[in-house]
Amino acid sequence: MNPNAKAPRIKNDDVMYLMLRDGRIAEFNDKKATGAAIDLVNCDFRGLDLRGLAADGLDLSGAYFRQADLRGVDFSKCRLEGASIHATKISGTYFPVELSADEITLSLLHGTRMRYSK
């Protein structure tokens, strides 16, 4: 196990994170657009429906998305290094160019944490 890897966390004291956990994606996007502070590093998103998420500029490093619905989300301008997408729905999802198709496939099928190409 990577000594730098952190267990996914549920941040019960973070309003922005809790909006996503509660399925309030549109409200999250509105608050994000106003410049609200957002810290989603190493967060637990397992089983959540995140369709419609405006992910531009988000740091989702180390995030845990097991069995989440990510269909149509554009992650191309956010950070996903170290995230895991095991058994997620990813139809129509855009990923950062730093992530190879092999990294995405390994994470989708086996739950590995995605590594950026150098």
Protein backbone atom coordinates (compact mmCIF):
# COMPACT_ATOMS: atom_id res chain seq x y z
CA MET A 1 0.00 0.00 0.00
CA ASN A 2 1.20 3.50 -0.83
CA PRO A 3 2.16 5.22 2.44
CA ASN A 4 1.06 8.56 0.92
CA ALA A 5 -2.43 7.27 0.04
CA LYS A 6 -5.16 8.44 2.36
CA ALA A 7 -8.41 6.71 3.14
CA PRO A 8 -11.44 8.38 1.55
CA ARG A 9 -13.16 10.75 3.93
CA ILE A 10 -16.70 11.94 4.52
CA LYS A 11 -16.51 15.57 5.61
CA ASN A 12 -19.64 16.13 7.69
CA ASP A 13 -18.59 19.71 8.43
CA ASP A 14 -18.10 20.84 4.80
CA VAL A 15 -21.21 22.47 3.28
CA MET A 16 -20.00 22.21 -0.34
CA TYR A 17 -19.12 18.52 -0.03
CA LEU A 18 -22.43 17.77 1.70
CA MET A 19 -24.33 19.39 -1.19
CA LEU A 20 -22.82 16.77 -3.49
CA ARG A 21 -23.60 13.94 -1.06
CA ASP A 22 -27.20 15.14 -0.87
CA GLY A 23 -27.57 15.28 -4.67
CA ARG A 24 -27.82 19.07 -4.75
CA ILE A 25 -25.60 19.34 -7.83
CA ALA A 26 -27.20 22.49 -9.28
CA GLU A 27 -26.86 24.29 -5.94
CA PHE A 28 -23.22 23.17 -5.69
CA ASN A 29 -22.55 24.48 -9.22
CA ASP A 30 -24.18 27.83 -8.38
CA LYS A 31 -22.10 28.26 -5.20
CA LYS A 32 -18.94 27.17 -7.05
CA ALA A 33 -19.62 29.84 -9.70
CA THR A 34 -19.69 32.52 -6.97
CA GLY A 35 -16.20 31.51 -5.82
CA ALA A 36 -17.05 29.44 -2.76
CA ALA A 37 -14.11 27.62 -1.18
CA ILE A 38 -14.05 23.94 -2.17
CA ASP A 39 -11.85 21.16 -0.76
CA LEU A 40 -12.67 17.75 -2.24
CA VAL A 41 -9.24 16.09 -1.99
CA ASN A 42 -9.48 12.47 -0.78
CA CYS A 43 -13.28 12.69 -0.44
CA ASP A 44 -15.65 9.73 -0.57
CA PHE A 45 -18.18 9.90 -3.42
CA ARG A 46 -19.06 6.20 -3.52
CA GLY A 47 -22.47 5.48 -4.99
CA LEU A 48 -23.36 9.14 -5.63
CA ASP A 49 -25.07 10.49 -8.74
CA LEU A 50 -22.82 13.35 -9.85
CA ARG A 51 -24.31 13.91 -13.31
CA GLY A 52 -24.36 17.60 -14.14
CA LEU A 53 -21.39 18.44 -11.92
CA ALA A 54 -19.40 21.47 -13.13
CA ALA A 55 -15.97 19.98 -12.43
CA ASP A 56 -13.76 22.64 -14.05
CA GLY A 57 -10.94 23.61 -11.70
CA LEU A 58 -11.81 21.12 -8.95
CA ASP A 59 -9.06 19.19 -7.19
CA LEU A 60 -10.44 15.66 -6.82
CA SER A 61 -7.06 14.05 -6.13
CA GLY A 62 -7.44 10.82 -4.22
CA ALA A 63 -11.24 10.88 -4.52
CA TYR A 64 -13.10 7.59 -4.21
CA PHE A 65 -15.93 7.24 -6.74
CA ARG A 66 -16.78 3.52 -6.44
CA GLN A 67 -20.13 2.79 -8.16
CA ALA A 68 -20.89 6.50 -8.65
CA ASP A 69 -22.72 7.84 -11.69
CA LEU A 70 -20.32 10.13 -13.55
CA ARG A 71 -22.05 10.01 -16.93
CA GLY A 72 -21.46 13.13 -18.98
CA VAL A 73 -19.23 14.87 -16.41
CA ASP A 74 -16.36 16.84 -17.95
CA PHE A 75 -13.32 16.21 -15.74
CA SER A 76 -10.90 17.43 -18.44
CA LYS A 77 -9.99 20.60 -16.51
CA CYS A 78 -9.76 19.21 -13.00
CA ARG A 79 -7.27 17.12 -11.06
CA LEU A 80 -7.99 13.38 -10.68
CA GLU A 81 -4.54 12.00 -9.84
CA GLY A 82 -4.87 9.19 -7.31
CA ALA A 83 -8.66 8.95 -7.72
CA SER A 84 -10.41 5.59 -8.07
CA ILE A 85 -13.45 5.01 -10.31
CA HIS A 86 -14.13 1.31 -9.67
CA ALA A 87 -17.44 0.16 -11.21
CA THR A 88 -18.62 3.71 -11.99
CA LYS A 89 -20.85 4.70 -14.88
CA ILE A 90 -18.67 6.79 -17.21
CA SER A 91 -20.53 6.95 -20.52
CA GLY A 92 -19.84 10.35 -22.08
CA THR A 93 -17.36 11.34 -19.38
CA TYR A 94 -14.30 13.39 -20.32
CA PHE A 95 -11.05 12.76 -18.44
CA PRO A 96 -7.87 14.87 -18.17
CA VAL A 97 -5.43 14.25 -21.05
CA GLU A 98 -2.82 13.31 -18.43
CA LEU A 99 -4.76 10.10 -17.79
CA SER A 100 -4.16 7.33 -20.30
CA ALA A 101 -6.97 5.05 -21.42
CA ASP A 102 -5.13 2.18 -19.69
CA GLU A 103 -5.11 4.02 -16.35
CA ILE A 104 -8.82 4.76 -16.64
CA THR A 105 -9.61 1.15 -17.59
CA LEU A 106 -7.54 -0.30 -14.73
CA SER A 107 -9.29 1.95 -12.25
CA LEU A 108 -12.73 1.22 -13.68
CA LEU A 109 -12.26 -2.56 -13.65
CA HIS A 110 -9.97 -3.10 -10.66
CA GLY A 111 -10.22 0.04 -8.53
CA THR A 112 -6.62 1.11 -8.93
CA ARG A 113 -5.78 4.72 -8.20
CA MET A 114 -5.18 6.61 -11.45
CA ARG A 115 -1.67 7.90 -12.16
CA TYR A 116 -0.93 10.80 -14.46
CA SER A 117 1.39 10.29 -17.41
CA LYS A 118 4.53 12.35 -17.17
